[in-house]
Amino acid sequence: MSEPLLTIIIPHYNGAHHLPICFNALRRQTYPHLEIILADNGSTDESLPLTRREFPEVKILEIGQNLGFAGAVNRGVAQAAGQIIVPLNNDTEVAPGWAEAIVEALAAHPEAGMVASKILLFDQRRKLHSAGDAFGANGIPINRGVWQEDHGQFDQDTYIFGGCGGAVAYRRAMLDEIGLFDEELFMYLEDVDLNWRAQLAGYRVVFAPQAVVYHHLSATGGGVIASYYTGRNTILVLAKVLPGFLFRRYWPSIVQAQLKIAFEAARAWRGEAARARLKGQLAGVWALPRWLAKRAAVKRSPRVSNTYLESLLTDVNS
């Protein structure tokens, strides 16, 4: 059987200074069957001339407008030839064995639809940013191990809730079945939405600790932008994909968590990011009826029991 082609899609907007580190790391990969697509959201800096001049192996997809993370990745998928699709943040440096570890994990786990990378801080390379994603029983997504020193404490965890969209691998066949990122989310939590849809469709998620990525935090987002979209999208994703029986069981914790966020944002109202978070929450509440209507399109596999779905939740009080 031939080795699968791995398509790496890098959503990008005006971050030319990140590209040499990102692209050179991809050149050093031990796995040779790579396709690299720079999905450009209308950059006006030197990103495209730099890529054409110094990295001719990279395919450039000129989108011409800013469609956010979700839209850029989706346009990249439409152009991708690979059986494995990997969105990758432009502000990352992948270790040489990263791609090989992804391919090996998917080969070892045919039941898995995605592989989560181990993401470490770029400037503190023993400190975790994400050992894959978890999902709190209070409705708040969790970066597993965030800010912890990496001592291999998560390396034995094979099955997890989901992967962080900044460095995660998807089987193309799974995406063909469950759909791509929801472009209305624009950026932030589009990966959580897809994690839930994958789990509901019966796909498992595998953590590959050898798939190591170093990440500059909030280099191309963060601050006010992150606050607004995180505030809004947390509510929208809950409305769209959280199974009804889980909401009925955990709604007090879910509502309490949102009220706590709103209260803290109101207390810090003079801060621009705090105001953006509260505005995002209000936008999410306003859009609830339309997003609840999206639930009908989320397919639930008969192989997935309520007991299994509840096991995906992390007890945030323990």
C-alpha atoms as a PDB file:
ATOM      1  CA  MET A   1       0.000   0.000   0.000  1.00  0.00           C
ATOM      2  CA  SER A   2       1.403   3.416  -0.978  1.00  0.00           C
ATOM      3  CA  GLU A   3       2.123   5.972   1.692  1.00  0.00           C
ATOM      4  CA  PRO A   4      -0.582   8.653   1.983  1.00  0.00           C
ATOM      5  CA  LEU A   5      -0.100  12.218   0.845  1.00  0.00           C
ATOM      6  CA  LEU A   6      -0.345  14.707   3.696  1.00  0.00           C
ATOM      7  CA  THR A   7      -1.656  18.156   2.732  1.00  0.00           C
ATOM      8  CA  ILE A   8      -0.667  20.951   5.103  1.00  0.00           C
ATOM      9  CA  ILE A   9      -2.908  24.015   4.870  1.00  0.00           C
ATOM     10  CA  ILE A  10      -1.545  27.208   6.402  1.00  0.00           C
ATOM     11  CA  PRO A  11      -4.202  29.929   6.794  1.00  0.00           C
ATOM     12  CA  HIS A  12      -2.425  33.250   6.548  1.00  0.00           C
ATOM     13  CA  TYR A  13      -2.859  37.000   6.692  1.00  0.00           C
ATOM     14  CA  ASN A  14      -0.012  39.538   6.780  1.00  0.00           C
ATOM     15  CA  GLY A  15       2.471  37.477   8.743  1.00  0.00           C
ATOM     16  CA  ALA A  16       5.455  37.317   6.384  1.00  0.00           C
ATOM     17  CA  HIS A  17       7.944  37.287   9.281  1.00  0.00           C
ATOM     18  CA  HIS A  18       6.563  33.936  10.474  1.00  0.00           C
ATOM     19  CA  LEU A  19       6.801  32.110   7.164  1.00  0.00           C
ATOM     20  CA  PRO A  20      10.545  31.293   6.916  1.00  0.00           C
ATOM     21  CA  ILE A  21      10.527  29.459  10.265  1.00  0.00           C
ATOM     22  CA  CYS A  22       7.315  27.636   9.413  1.00  0.00           C
ATOM     23  CA  PHE A  23       8.345  26.625   5.875  1.00  0.00           C
ATOM     24  CA  ASN A  24      11.920  25.671   6.748  1.00  0.00           C
ATOM     25  CA  ALA A  25      10.640  23.348   9.472  1.00  0.00           C
ATOM     26  CA  LEU A  26       8.399  21.669   6.903  1.00  0.00           C
ATOM     27  CA  ARG A  27      11.403  21.231   4.621  1.00  0.00           C
ATOM     28  CA  ARG A  28      13.130  19.285   7.391  1.00  0.00           C
ATOM     29  CA  GLN A  29      10.359  16.705   7.745  1.00  0.00           C
ATOM     30  CA  THR A  30      11.381  13.057   7.730  1.00  0.00           C
ATOM     31  CA  TYR A  31       8.131  12.148   5.959  1.00  0.00           C
ATOM     32  CA  PRO A  32       8.536  12.962   2.251  1.00  0.00           C
ATOM     33  CA  HIS A  33       4.969  12.898   0.913  1.00  0.00           C
ATOM     34  CA  LEU A  34       3.858  16.441   1.671  1.00  0.00           C
ATOM     35  CA  GLU A  35       1.773  19.029  -0.117  1.00  0.00           C
ATOM     36  CA  ILE A  36       1.930  22.545   1.361  1.00  0.00           C
ATOM     37  CA  ILE A  37      -0.742  25.135   0.641  1.00  0.00           C
ATOM     38  CA  LEU A  38      -0.536  28.726   1.849  1.00  0.00           C
ATOM     39  CA  ALA A  39      -4.188  29.824   2.025  1.00  0.00           C
ATOM     40  CA  ASP A  40      -3.775  33.581   1.923  1.00  0.00           C
ATOM     41  CA  ASN A  41      -6.590  35.810   3.159  1.00  0.00           C
ATOM     42  CA  GLY A  42      -5.568  38.848   1.104  1.00  0.00           C
ATOM     43  CA  SER A  43      -2.184  39.726   2.603  1.00  0.00           C
ATOM     44  CA  THR A  44      -0.762  43.138   1.691  1.00  0.00           C
ATOM     45  CA  ASP A  45       2.740  42.585   3.099  1.00  0.00           C
ATOM     46  CA  GLU A  46       5.640  40.637   1.535  1.00  0.00           C
ATOM     47  CA  SER A  47       4.106  37.208   2.254  1.00  0.00           C
ATOM     48  CA  LEU A  48       3.400  36.165  -1.328  1.00  0.00           C
ATOM     49  CA  PRO A  49       6.579  37.512  -2.991  1.00  0.00           C
ATOM     50  CA  LEU A  50       8.654  35.937  -0.203  1.00  0.00           C
ATOM     51  CA  THR A  51       6.951  32.568  -0.629  1.00  0.00           C
ATOM     52  CA  ARG A  52       7.309  32.580  -4.421  1.00  0.00           C
ATOM     53  CA  ARG A  53      10.959  33.589  -4.252  1.00  0.00           C
ATOM     54  CA  GLU A  54      12.272  31.465  -1.397  1.00  0.00           C
ATOM     55  CA  PHE A  55       9.796  28.574  -1.081  1.00  0.00           C
ATOM     56  CA  PRO A  56       8.687  27.619  -4.592  1.00  0.00           C
ATOM     57  CA  GLU A  57       7.488  24.206  -3.412  1.00  0.00           C
ATOM     58  CA  VAL A  58       4.630  25.900  -1.532  1.00  0.00           C
ATOM     59  CA  LYS A  59       1.373  26.240  -3.437  1.00  0.00           C
ATOM     60  CA  ILE A  60      -0.223  29.643  -2.980  1.00  0.00           C
ATOM     61  CA  LEU A  61      -3.985  29.942  -2.823  1.00  0.00           C
ATOM     62  CA  GLU A  62      -4.885  33.616  -3.191  1.00  0.00           C
ATOM     63  CA  ILE A  63      -8.292  34.023  -1.576  1.00  0.00           C
ATOM     64  CA  GLY A  64      -8.259  37.791  -1.954  1.00  0.00           C
ATOM     65  CA  GLN A  65     -10.291  38.592   1.139  1.00  0.00           C
ATOM     66  CA  ASN A  66     -10.134  37.758   4.831  1.00  0.00           C
ATOM     67  CA  LEU A  67     -12.295  34.683   5.414  1.00  0.00           C
ATOM     68  CA  GLY A  68     -10.735  33.962   8.793  1.00  0.00           C
ATOM     69  CA  PHE A  69      -9.168  30.697   9.869  1.00  0.00           C
ATOM     70  CA  ALA A  70     -12.191  28.573   8.997  1.00  0.00           C
ATOM     71  CA  GLY A  71     -12.765  29.989   5.522  1.00  0.00           C
ATOM     72  CA  ALA A  72      -9.093  29.827   4.570  1.00  0.00           C
ATOM     73  CA  VAL A  73      -8.753  26.197   5.633  1.00  0.00           C
ATOM     74  CA  ASN A  74     -11.939  25.218   3.820  1.00  0.00           C
ATOM     75  CA  ARG A  75     -10.715  26.835   0.593  1.00  0.00           C
ATOM     76  CA  GLY A  76      -7.465  24.967   1.041  1.00  0.00           C
ATOM     77  CA  VAL A  77      -9.240  21.649   1.481  1.00  0.00           C
ATOM     78  CA  ALA A  78     -11.028  22.223  -1.833  1.00  0.00           C
ATOM     79  CA  GLN A  79      -7.614  22.435  -3.528  1.00  0.00           C
ATOM     80  CA  ALA A  80      -5.920  19.661  -1.525  1.00  0.00           C
ATOM     81  CA  ALA A  81      -4.819  16.362  -3.057  1.00  0.00           C
ATOM     82  CA  GLY A  82      -3.943  14.622   0.211  1.00  0.00           C
ATOM     83  CA  GLN A  83      -5.728  11.808   2.007  1.00  0.00           C
ATOM     84  CA  ILE A  84      -4.703  13.503   5.259  1.00  0.00           C
ATOM     85  CA  ILE A  85      -5.514  17.182   5.808  1.00  0.00           C
ATOM     86  CA  VAL A  86      -3.528  19.201   8.349  1.00  0.00           C
ATOM     87  CA  PRO A  87      -4.398  22.819   9.194  1.00  0.00           C
ATOM     88  CA  LEU A  88      -1.274  24.436  10.640  1.00  0.00           C
ATOM     89  CA  ASN A  89      -0.874  27.897  12.145  1.00  0.00           C
ATOM     90  CA  ASN A  90       1.627  30.094  10.331  1.00  0.00           C
ATOM     91  CA  ASP A  91       3.365  30.999  13.616  1.00  0.00           C
ATOM     92  CA  THR A  92       4.567  27.462  14.322  1.00  0.00           C
ATOM     93  CA  GLU A  93       7.728  25.409  13.982  1.00  0.00           C
ATOM     94  CA  VAL A  94       7.144  21.678  13.655  1.00  0.00           C
ATOM     95  CA  ALA A  95       9.720  19.149  14.815  1.00  0.00           C
ATOM     96  CA  PRO A  96      11.355  17.026  12.063  1.00  0.00           C
ATOM     97  CA  GLY A  97       9.370  13.890  12.922  1.00  0.00           C
ATOM     98  CA  TRP A  98       6.001  15.651  13.229  1.00  0.00           C
ATOM     99  CA  ALA A  99       4.415  14.574   9.940  1.00  0.00           C
ATOM    100  CA  GLU A 100       5.749  11.035  10.248  1.00  0.00           C
ATOM    101  CA  ALA A 101       4.227  10.717  13.732  1.00  0.00           C
ATOM    102  CA  ILE A 102       0.828  11.817  12.381  1.00  0.00           C
ATOM    103  CA  VAL A 103       0.864   9.279   9.573  1.00  0.00           C
ATOM    104  CA  GLU A 104       1.969   6.488  11.919  1.00  0.00           C
ATOM    105  CA  ALA A 105      -0.782   7.319  14.435  1.00  0.00           C
ATOM    106  CA  LEU A 106      -3.511   7.186  11.794  1.00  0.00           C
ATOM    107  CA  ALA A 107      -2.120   3.914  10.408  1.00  0.00           C
ATOM    108  CA  ALA A 108      -2.080   2.378  13.897  1.00  0.00           C
ATOM    109  CA  HIS A 109      -5.631   3.553  14.671  1.00  0.00           C
ATOM    110  CA  PRO A 110      -7.988   3.021  11.721  1.00  0.00           C
ATOM    111  CA  GLU A 111     -10.910   3.921  14.004  1.00  0.00           C
ATOM    112  CA  ALA A 112      -9.508   7.449  14.434  1.00  0.00           C
ATOM    113  CA  GLY A 113     -10.583  10.346  12.266  1.00  0.00           C
ATOM    114  CA  MET A 114      -8.041  12.807  13.595  1.00  0.00           C
ATOM    115  CA  VAL A 115      -4.693  13.111  15.338  1.00  0.00           C
ATOM    116  CA  ALA A 116      -3.843  15.838  17.842  1.00  0.00           C
ATOM    117  CA  SER A 117      -0.298  17.189  18.018  1.00  0.00           C
ATOM    118  CA  LYS A 118       1.635  18.039  21.164  1.00  0.00           C
ATOM    119  CA  ILE A 119       1.931  21.830  21.100  1.00  0.00           C
ATOM    120  CA  LEU A 120       4.671  23.475  23.164  1.00  0.00           C
ATOM    121  CA  LEU A 121       5.484  27.148  23.624  1.00  0.00           C
ATOM    122  CA  PHE A 122       7.924  28.496  21.048  1.00  0.00           C
ATOM    123  CA  ASP A 123      10.015  30.396  23.601  1.00  0.00           C
ATOM    124  CA  GLN A 124       9.646  27.905  26.489  1.00  0.00           C
ATOM    125  CA  ARG A 125      10.047  24.571  24.797  1.00  0.00           C
ATOM    126  CA  ARG A 126       9.354  22.411  27.811  1.00  0.00           C
ATOM    127  CA  LYS A 127       6.049  24.111  28.570  1.00  0.00           C
ATOM    128  CA  LEU A 128       2.789  22.825  27.109  1.00  0.00           C
ATOM    129  CA  HIS A 129       0.200  24.848  25.310  1.00  0.00           C
ATOM    130  CA  SER A 130      -1.921  21.844  24.316  1.00  0.00           C
ATOM    131  CA  ALA A 131      -1.737  18.091  24.639  1.00  0.00           C
ATOM    132  CA  GLY A 132      -4.923  17.950  22.606  1.00  0.00           C
ATOM    133  CA  ASP A 133      -8.293  19.318  23.632  1.00  0.00           C
ATOM    134  CA  ALA A 134     -10.699  18.401  26.407  1.00  0.00           C
ATOM    135  CA  PHE A 135     -14.222  19.693  27.020  1.00  0.00           C
ATOM    136  CA  GLY A 136     -15.420  20.758  30.438  1.00  0.00           C
ATOM    137  CA  ALA A 137     -18.725  19.660  31.912  1.00  0.00           C
ATOM    138  CA  ASN A 138     -19.371  23.405  32.313  1.00  0.00           C
ATOM    139  CA  GLY A 139     -19.306  23.855  28.528  1.00  0.00           C
ATOM    140  CA  ILE A 140     -15.862  25.465  28.382  1.00  0.00           C
ATOM    141  CA  PRO A 141     -13.226  23.981  26.027  1.00  0.00           C
ATOM    142  CA  ILE A 142      -9.908  23.055  27.648  1.00  0.00           C
ATOM    143  CA  ASN A 143      -6.338  22.955  26.354  1.00  0.00           C
ATOM    144  CA  ARG A 144      -5.044  19.835  28.085  1.00  0.00           C
ATOM    145  CA  GLY A 145      -1.962  20.600  30.150  1.00  0.00           C
ATOM    146  CA  VAL A 146      -1.848  24.278  29.272  1.00  0.00           C
ATOM    147  CA  TRP A 147       1.096  26.074  30.965  1.00  0.00           C
ATOM    148  CA  GLN A 148       2.363  22.840  32.546  1.00  0.00           C
ATOM    149  CA  GLU A 149       5.956  21.696  32.210  1.00  0.00           C
ATOM    150  CA  ASP A 150       5.997  18.731  29.842  1.00  0.00           C
ATOM    151  CA  HIS A 151       7.224  15.684  31.723  1.00  0.00           C
ATOM    152  CA  GLY A 152       5.437  13.209  29.457  1.00  0.00           C
ATOM    153  CA  GLN A 153       2.440  13.202  31.802  1.00  0.00           C
ATOM    154  CA  PHE A 154       0.003  13.030  28.871  1.00  0.00           C
ATOM    155  CA  ASP A 155       2.019  10.772  26.578  1.00  0.00           C
ATOM    156  CA  GLN A 156       0.142   7.601  27.508  1.00  0.00           C
ATOM    157  CA  ASP A 157      -3.280   9.098  26.733  1.00  0.00           C
ATOM    158  CA  THR A 158      -4.271   7.568  23.416  1.00  0.00           C
ATOM    159  CA  TYR A 159      -7.895   8.638  23.069  1.00  0.00           C
ATOM    160  CA  ILE A 160      -8.933  12.225  23.823  1.00  0.00           C
ATOM    161  CA  PHE A 161     -11.834  14.548  23.040  1.00  0.00           C
ATOM    162  CA  GLY A 162     -10.269  16.478  20.175  1.00  0.00           C
ATOM    163  CA  GLY A 163      -7.383  18.263  18.529  1.00  0.00           C
ATOM    164  CA  CYS A 164      -6.372  21.918  18.585  1.00  0.00           C
ATOM    165  CA  GLY A 165      -7.034  23.358  15.137  1.00  0.00           C
ATOM    166  CA  GLY A 166      -3.640  25.049  14.963  1.00  0.00           C
ATOM    167  CA  ALA A 167      -1.895  21.702  14.401  1.00  0.00           C
ATOM    168  CA  VAL A 168      -4.292  18.809  13.897  1.00  0.00           C
ATOM    169  CA  ALA A 169      -4.603  16.107  11.239  1.00  0.00           C
ATOM    170  CA  TYR A 170      -7.903  14.972   9.739  1.00  0.00           C
ATOM    171  CA  ARG A 171      -8.651  12.018   7.525  1.00  0.00           C
ATOM    172  CA  ARG A 172     -10.033  13.382   4.282  1.00  0.00           C
ATOM    173  CA  ALA A 173     -12.672  10.621   4.323  1.00  0.00           C
ATOM    174  CA  MET A 174     -13.947  11.864   7.687  1.00  0.00           C
ATOM    175  CA  LEU A 175     -14.216  15.456   6.473  1.00  0.00           C
ATOM    176  CA  ASP A 176     -16.084  14.242   3.399  1.00  0.00           C
ATOM    177  CA  GLU A 177     -18.638  12.660   5.736  1.00  0.00           C
ATOM    178  CA  ILE A 178     -19.065  15.217   8.510  1.00  0.00           C
ATOM    179  CA  GLY A 179     -18.211  18.442   6.682  1.00  0.00           C
ATOM    180  CA  LEU A 180     -15.534  21.095   7.040  1.00  0.00           C
ATOM    181  CA  PHE A 181     -15.171  24.004   9.452  1.00  0.00           C
ATOM    182  CA  ASP A 182     -18.251  26.122  10.045  1.00  0.00           C
ATOM    183  CA  GLU A 183     -17.262  29.378   8.340  1.00  0.00           C
ATOM    184  CA  GLU A 184     -19.745  31.422  10.351  1.00  0.00           C
ATOM    185  CA  LEU A 185     -17.465  30.888  13.346  1.00  0.00           C
ATOM    186  CA  PHE A 186     -14.732  32.705  11.370  1.00  0.00           C
ATOM    187  CA  MET A 187     -11.986  31.983  13.914  1.00  0.00           C
ATOM    188  CA  TYR A 188     -11.772  30.355  17.360  1.00  0.00           C
ATOM    189  CA  LEU A 189     -13.701  27.208  18.399  1.00  0.00           C
ATOM    190  CA  GLU A 190     -14.216  26.029  14.812  1.00  0.00           C
ATOM    191  CA  ASP A 191     -12.033  23.098  15.879  1.00  0.00           C
ATOM    192  CA  VAL A 192     -14.245  22.380  18.929  1.00  0.00           C
ATOM    193  CA  ASP A 193     -17.324  22.286  16.700  1.00  0.00           C
ATOM    194  CA  LEU A 194     -15.582  19.828  14.385  1.00  0.00           C
ATOM    195  CA  ASN A 195     -14.309  17.743  17.333  1.00  0.00           C
ATOM    196  CA  TRP A 196     -17.878  17.259  18.526  1.00  0.00           C
ATOM    197  CA  ARG A 197     -19.162  16.421  15.052  1.00  0.00           C
ATOM    198  CA  ALA A 198     -16.411  13.832  14.625  1.00  0.00           C
ATOM    199  CA  GLN A 199     -17.178  12.202  17.972  1.00  0.00           C
ATOM    200  CA  LEU A 200     -20.921  12.187  17.271  1.00  0.00           C
ATOM    201  CA  ALA A 201     -20.252  10.481  13.933  1.00  0.00           C
ATOM    202  CA  GLY A 202     -18.321   7.699  15.657  1.00  0.00           C
ATOM    203  CA  TYR A 203     -14.726   8.755  14.947  1.00  0.00           C
ATOM    204  CA  ARG A 204     -12.102   8.568  17.657  1.00  0.00           C
ATOM    205  CA  VAL A 205      -9.389  11.156  18.289  1.00  0.00           C
ATOM    206  CA  VAL A 206      -5.819  10.057  18.973  1.00  0.00           C
ATOM    207  CA  PHE A 207      -3.108  12.064  20.727  1.00  0.00           C
ATOM    208  CA  ALA A 208       0.328  11.663  19.133  1.00  0.00           C
ATOM    209  CA  PRO A 209       2.960  12.925  21.611  1.00  0.00           C
ATOM    210  CA  GLN A 210       5.732  12.483  19.041  1.00  0.00           C
ATOM    211  CA  ALA A 211       3.995  14.993  16.733  1.00  0.00           C
ATOM    212  CA  VAL A 212       5.633  18.018  18.332  1.00  0.00           C
ATOM    213  CA  VAL A 213       4.876  21.623  17.386  1.00  0.00           C
ATOM    214  CA  TYR A 214       6.301  24.852  18.824  1.00  0.00           C
ATOM    215  CA  HIS A 215       3.853  27.752  18.774  1.00  0.00           C
ATOM    216  CA  HIS A 216       4.101  31.521  19.190  1.00  0.00           C
ATOM    217  CA  LEU A 217       1.059  32.367  21.301  1.00  0.00           C
ATOM    218  CA  SER A 218      -1.452  34.813  19.821  1.00  0.00           C
ATOM    219  CA  ALA A 219       0.992  35.933  17.155  1.00  0.00           C
ATOM    220  CA  THR A 220      -1.737  36.254  14.530  1.00  0.00           C
ATOM    221  CA  GLY A 221      -4.746  36.741  16.776  1.00  0.00           C
ATOM    222  CA  GLY A 222      -5.392  37.226  20.460  1.00  0.00           C
ATOM    223  CA  GLY A 223      -6.430  40.227  22.514  1.00  0.00           C
ATOM    224  CA  VAL A 224      -9.674  41.901  21.542  1.00  0.00           C
ATOM    225  CA  ILE A 225     -10.230  39.655  18.516  1.00  0.00           C
ATOM    226  CA  ALA A 226      -9.825  36.476  20.535  1.00  0.00           C
ATOM    227  CA  SER A 227     -11.999  37.782  23.349  1.00  0.00           C
ATOM    228  CA  TYR A 228     -14.908  38.628  21.073  1.00  0.00           C
ATOM    229  CA  TYR A 229     -14.909  35.424  19.031  1.00  0.00           C
ATOM    230  CA  THR A 230     -14.288  33.183  22.037  1.00  0.00           C
ATOM    231  CA  GLY A 231     -17.166  34.814  23.904  1.00  0.00           C
ATOM    232  CA  ARG A 232     -19.520  34.483  20.949  1.00  0.00           C
ATOM    233  CA  ASN A 233     -18.449  31.129  19.572  1.00  0.00           C
ATOM    234  CA  THR A 234     -18.523  29.238  22.873  1.00  0.00           C
ATOM    235  CA  ILE A 235     -22.260  29.886  23.039  1.00  0.00           C
ATOM    236  CA  LEU A 236     -22.840  29.131  19.355  1.00  0.00           C
ATOM    237  CA  VAL A 237     -20.975  25.809  19.462  1.00  0.00           C
ATOM    238  CA  LEU A 238     -22.884  24.704  22.547  1.00  0.00           C
ATOM    239  CA  ALA A 239     -26.150  25.502  20.775  1.00  0.00           C
ATOM    240  CA  LYS A 240     -25.164  23.626  17.646  1.00  0.00           C
ATOM    241  CA  VAL A 241     -23.461  20.420  18.802  1.00  0.00           C
ATOM    242  CA  LEU A 242     -23.758  19.707  22.528  1.00  0.00           C
ATOM    243  CA  PRO A 243     -26.016  16.651  22.882  1.00  0.00           C
ATOM    244  CA  GLY A 244     -29.341  17.556  24.463  1.00  0.00           C
ATOM    245  CA  PHE A 245     -29.111  15.034  27.283  1.00  0.00           C
ATOM    246  CA  LEU A 246     -25.771  16.546  28.328  1.00  0.00           C
ATOM    247  CA  PHE A 247     -27.209  20.042  28.401  1.00  0.00           C
ATOM    248  CA  ARG A 248     -30.167  18.858  30.474  1.00  0.00           C
ATOM    249  CA  ARG A 249     -27.793  17.208  32.927  1.00  0.00           C
ATOM    250  CA  TYR A 250     -25.168  19.941  33.143  1.00  0.00           C
ATOM    251  CA  TRP A 251     -27.072  23.128  32.345  1.00  0.00           C
ATOM    252  CA  PRO A 252     -26.586  24.671  35.822  1.00  0.00           C
ATOM    253  CA  SER A 253     -22.787  24.450  35.448  1.00  0.00           C
ATOM    254  CA  ILE A 254     -22.939  25.668  31.841  1.00  0.00           C
ATOM    255  CA  VAL A 255     -25.083  28.700  32.653  1.00  0.00           C
ATOM    256  CA  GLN A 256     -23.060  29.469  35.778  1.00  0.00           C
ATOM    257  CA  ALA A 257     -19.821  29.445  33.766  1.00  0.00           C
ATOM    258  CA  GLN A 258     -21.217  31.910  31.224  1.00  0.00           C
ATOM    259  CA  LEU A 259     -22.582  34.196  33.937  1.00  0.00           C
ATOM    260  CA  LYS A 260     -19.225  34.142  35.718  1.00  0.00           C
ATOM    261  CA  ILE A 261     -17.451  35.163  32.502  1.00  0.00           C
ATOM    262  CA  ALA A 262     -19.976  37.947  31.917  1.00  0.00           C
ATOM    263  CA  PHE A 263     -19.655  39.185  35.517  1.00  0.00           C
ATOM    264  CA  GLU A 264     -15.862  39.260  35.356  1.00  0.00           C
ATOM    265  CA  ALA A 265     -15.968  41.055  32.002  1.00  0.00           C
ATOM    266  CA  ALA A 266     -18.390  43.642  33.400  1.00  0.00           C
ATOM    267  CA  ARG A 267     -16.129  44.234  36.402  1.00  0.00           C
ATOM    268  CA  ALA A 268     -13.207  44.860  34.045  1.00  0.00           C
ATOM    269  CA  TRP A 269     -15.310  46.974  31.668  1.00  0.00           C
ATOM    270  CA  ARG A 270     -12.587  49.589  31.190  1.00  0.00           C
ATOM    271  CA  GLY A 271     -10.452  46.943  29.531  1.00  0.00           C
ATOM    272  CA  GLU A 272     -10.979  46.652  25.776  1.00  0.00           C
ATOM    273  CA  ALA A 273     -10.659  42.859  25.780  1.00  0.00           C
ATOM    274  CA  ALA A 274     -13.207  42.541  28.608  1.00  0.00           C
ATOM    275  CA  ARG A 275     -15.722  44.635  26.682  1.00  0.00           C
ATOM    276  CA  ALA A 276     -15.093  42.545  23.580  1.00  0.00           C
ATOM    277  CA  ARG A 277     -15.730  39.324  25.521  1.00  0.00           C
ATOM    278  CA  LEU A 278     -19.050  40.597  26.834  1.00  0.00           C
ATOM    279  CA  LYS A 279     -20.069  41.857  23.400  1.00  0.00           C
ATOM    280  CA  GLY A 280     -19.231  38.438  22.007  1.00  0.00           C
ATOM    281  CA  GLN A 281     -21.438  36.738  24.580  1.00  0.00           C
ATOM    282  CA  LEU A 282     -24.319  39.069  23.742  1.00  0.00           C
ATOM    283  CA  ALA A 283     -23.847  38.344  20.031  1.00  0.00           C
ATOM    284  CA  GLY A 284     -23.934  34.627  20.801  1.00  0.00           C
ATOM    285  CA  VAL A 285     -27.170  34.903  22.767  1.00  0.00           C
ATOM    286  CA  TRP A 286     -28.731  36.989  19.968  1.00  0.00           C
ATOM    287  CA  ALA A 287     -27.838  34.303  17.403  1.00  0.00           C
ATOM    288  CA  LEU A 288     -29.041  31.360  19.508  1.00  0.00           C
ATOM    289  CA  PRO A 289     -32.304  30.623  17.614  1.00  0.00           C
ATOM    290  CA  ARG A 290     -30.529  30.284  14.277  1.00  0.00           C
ATOM    291  CA  TRP A 291     -27.739  28.161  15.706  1.00  0.00           C
ATOM    292  CA  LEU A 292     -30.139  25.865  17.523  1.00  0.00           C
ATOM    293  CA  ALA A 293     -31.716  25.253  14.103  1.00  0.00           C
ATOM    294  CA  LYS A 294     -28.326  23.980  12.866  1.00  0.00           C
ATOM    295  CA  ARG A 295     -28.529  20.989  15.219  1.00  0.00           C
ATOM    296  CA  ALA A 296     -30.600  19.016  12.723  1.00  0.00           C
ATOM    297  CA  ALA A 297     -27.644  18.853  10.331  1.00  0.00           C
ATOM    298  CA  VAL A 298     -25.291  17.288  12.915  1.00  0.00           C
ATOM    299  CA  LYS A 299     -25.288  13.534  12.365  1.00  0.00           C
ATOM    300  CA  ARG A 300     -25.273  11.175  15.324  1.00  0.00           C
ATOM    301  CA  SER A 301     -23.826   7.698  14.853  1.00  0.00           C
ATOM    302  CA  PRO A 302     -25.823   4.799  16.353  1.00  0.00           C
ATOM    303  CA  ARG A 303     -22.463   3.395  17.475  1.00  0.00           C
ATOM    304  CA  VAL A 304     -22.039   6.276  19.904  1.00  0.00           C
ATOM    305  CA  SER A 305     -23.796   5.776  23.228  1.00  0.00           C
ATOM    306  CA  ASN A 306     -24.815   8.428  25.711  1.00  0.00           C
ATOM    307  CA  THR A 307     -22.436   6.841  28.200  1.00  0.00           C
ATOM    308  CA  TYR A 308     -19.536   7.290  25.788  1.00  0.00           C
ATOM    309  CA  LEU A 309     -20.458  10.900  25.028  1.00  0.00           C
ATOM    310  CA  GLU A 310     -20.659  11.752  28.712  1.00  0.00           C
ATOM    311  CA  SER A 311     -17.227  10.167  29.207  1.00  0.00           C
ATOM    312  CA  LEU A 312     -15.799  12.828  26.900  1.00  0.00           C
ATOM    313  CA  LEU A 313     -16.529  15.550  29.446  1.00  0.00           C
ATOM    314  CA  THR A 314     -13.925  16.674  31.953  1.00  0.00           C
ATOM    315  CA  ASP A 315     -15.021  17.365  35.524  1.00  0.00           C
ATOM    316  CA  VAL A 316     -13.730  20.870  36.070  1.00  0.00           C
ATOM    317  CA  ASN A 317     -14.437  20.679  39.818  1.00  0.00           C
ATOM    318  CA  SER A 318     -12.146  17.748  40.497  1.00  0.00           C
END
